[in-house]
Protein backbone atom coordinates (compact mmCIF):
# COMPACT_ATOMS: atom_id res chain seq x y z
CA THR A 1 0.00 0.00 0.00
CA PHE A 2 0.98 3.64 -0.33
CA PHE A 3 -0.03 4.46 3.23
CA VAL A 4 1.38 3.23 6.52
CA LYS A 5 -0.79 1.46 9.05
CA GLY A 6 -3.21 3.76 10.84
CA SER A 7 -2.19 6.86 8.90
CA LEU A 8 -5.55 8.04 7.54
CA GLU A 9 -8.45 9.56 9.44
CA LYS A 10 -11.00 9.33 6.63
CA LEU A 11 -11.50 7.55 3.31
CA PHE A 12 -14.03 8.75 0.73
CA PHE A 13 -15.52 6.72 -2.12
CA CYS A 14 -17.83 8.93 -4.14
CA PHE A 15 -19.92 7.54 -6.98
CA ALA A 16 -17.65 4.56 -7.66
CA ASP A 17 -18.04 2.44 -10.78
CA PRO A 18 -20.80 -0.07 -9.98
CA HIS A 19 -19.43 -2.89 -12.21
CA PHE A 20 -22.90 -4.31 -12.81
CA LYS A 21 -21.85 -7.65 -14.32
CA THR A 22 -21.53 -10.36 -11.69
CA LYS A 23 -18.15 -11.45 -13.04
CA ASN A 24 -16.86 -7.91 -12.41
CA HIS A 25 -18.11 -7.52 -8.83
CA ARG A 26 -14.58 -8.36 -7.65
CA ARG A 27 -13.50 -5.06 -9.23
CA ARG A 28 -15.78 -2.97 -7.04
CA ILE A 29 -13.84 -0.61 -4.79
CA ILE A 30 -15.61 -2.06 -1.74
CA ASN A 31 -15.02 -5.83 -1.70
CA ARG A 32 -13.95 -8.50 0.79
CA ASN A 33 -10.24 -7.96 0.14
CA SER A 34 -10.17 -4.18 -0.09
CA ILE A 35 -12.07 -3.66 3.16
CA SER A 36 -9.23 -5.20 5.15
CA GLU A 37 -6.78 -2.90 3.37
CA PHE A 38 -8.93 0.09 4.26
CA ALA A 39 -9.08 -1.04 7.90
CA TYR A 40 -5.27 -1.29 7.88
CA VAL A 41 -4.65 2.28 6.70
CA LEU A 42 -7.38 3.92 8.79
CA LYS A 43 -6.57 5.20 12.26
CA GLU A 44 -8.46 3.61 15.10
CA GLY A 45 -11.76 5.46 15.16
CA GLY A 46 -11.32 6.53 11.52
CA PHE A 47 -14.16 6.87 9.04
CA LEU A 48 -14.92 5.37 5.65
CA TYR A 49 -17.54 7.25 3.65
CA VAL A 50 -19.37 6.03 0.57
CA VAL A 51 -21.94 7.73 -1.62
CA THR A 52 -23.50 6.36 -4.78
CA ASP A 53 -26.51 6.85 -6.99
CA VAL A 54 -26.86 3.08 -7.58
CA LYS A 55 -29.05 1.33 -5.00
CA GLU A 56 -27.65 -2.12 -5.86
CA LEU A 57 -24.10 -0.88 -5.25
CA HIS A 58 -25.12 0.81 -2.00
CA ASP A 59 -26.65 -2.43 -0.74
CA TRP A 60 -23.49 -4.33 -1.73
CA GLN A 61 -21.27 -1.84 0.10
CA VAL A 62 -23.41 -1.92 3.25
CA GLU A 63 -23.51 -5.73 3.22
CA HIS A 64 -19.73 -6.05 2.90
CA LEU A 65 -18.86 -3.32 5.39
CA ASP A 66 -21.37 -4.65 7.94
CA ALA A 67 -19.83 -8.12 7.61
CA HIS A 68 -16.33 -6.88 8.49
CA PRO A 69 -15.53 -6.92 12.22
CA LEU A 70 -13.54 -3.66 12.15
CA PHE A 71 -16.28 -1.48 10.69
CA GLU A 72 -19.52 -0.31 12.22
CA ARG A 73 -22.16 1.94 10.72
CA LEU A 74 -22.64 5.38 12.25
CA GLU A 75 -26.02 6.59 13.33
CA GLU A 76 -27.51 8.86 10.68
CA ALA A 77 -27.42 11.96 12.92
CA THR A 78 -23.70 11.48 13.63
CA GLU A 79 -22.98 10.91 9.97
CA LYS A 80 -24.83 14.01 8.84
CA ALA A 81 -23.18 16.19 11.51
CA ASP A 82 -19.80 15.70 9.83
CA PRO A 83 -19.13 18.55 7.35
CA CYS A 84 -17.26 16.11 5.08
CA TRP A 85 -20.44 14.09 4.64
CA ASP A 86 -22.35 17.14 3.45
CA LEU A 87 -19.63 18.11 0.99
CA MET A 88 -19.38 14.71 -0.67
CA PHE A 89 -23.11 14.01 -0.61
CA ASN A 90 -24.29 17.42 -1.81
CA SER A 91 -21.42 19.45 -3.27
CA SER A 92 -19.35 17.21 -5.51
CA GLU A 93 -19.68 17.50 -9.27
CA GLU A 94 -21.20 14.02 -9.50
CA ALA A 95 -23.63 14.76 -6.64
CA ASN A 96 -24.78 17.88 -8.48
CA LYS A 97 -25.24 15.86 -11.67
CA VAL A 98 -27.43 13.36 -9.81
CA GLU A 99 -29.48 16.26 -8.41
CA ARG A 100 -29.94 17.80 -11.88
CA ASN A 101 -31.12 14.44 -13.21
CA GLU A 102 -33.48 14.05 -10.23
CA GLY A 103 -31.73 10.84 -9.21
CA SER A 104 -31.34 9.30 -5.79
CA LYS A 105 -28.20 9.24 -3.67
CA PHE A 106 -27.36 6.59 -1.12
CA GLY A 107 -24.70 6.81 1.53
């Protein structure tokens, strides 16, 4: 990896490629192998944020993160209180594109 153990406070994955084909699911940014790598580089108490406009991908990410013993989901109020959450969910170029197209965002 490019980062030393416990060196990052936050990781952000915004509107990642959903890789719809089943044979390509292993290429998704959130997968069984990558989650352990993310846990390695995050500081204890660090945060991993995801936002997508694809419900299927959101469900996949939640399922895989929930299954990992080193990650736990924040309560919605805590999540939304973080200014980083608002920026990635509402202010990124892709988030604005989803808004313009009246799409849904999941995070």
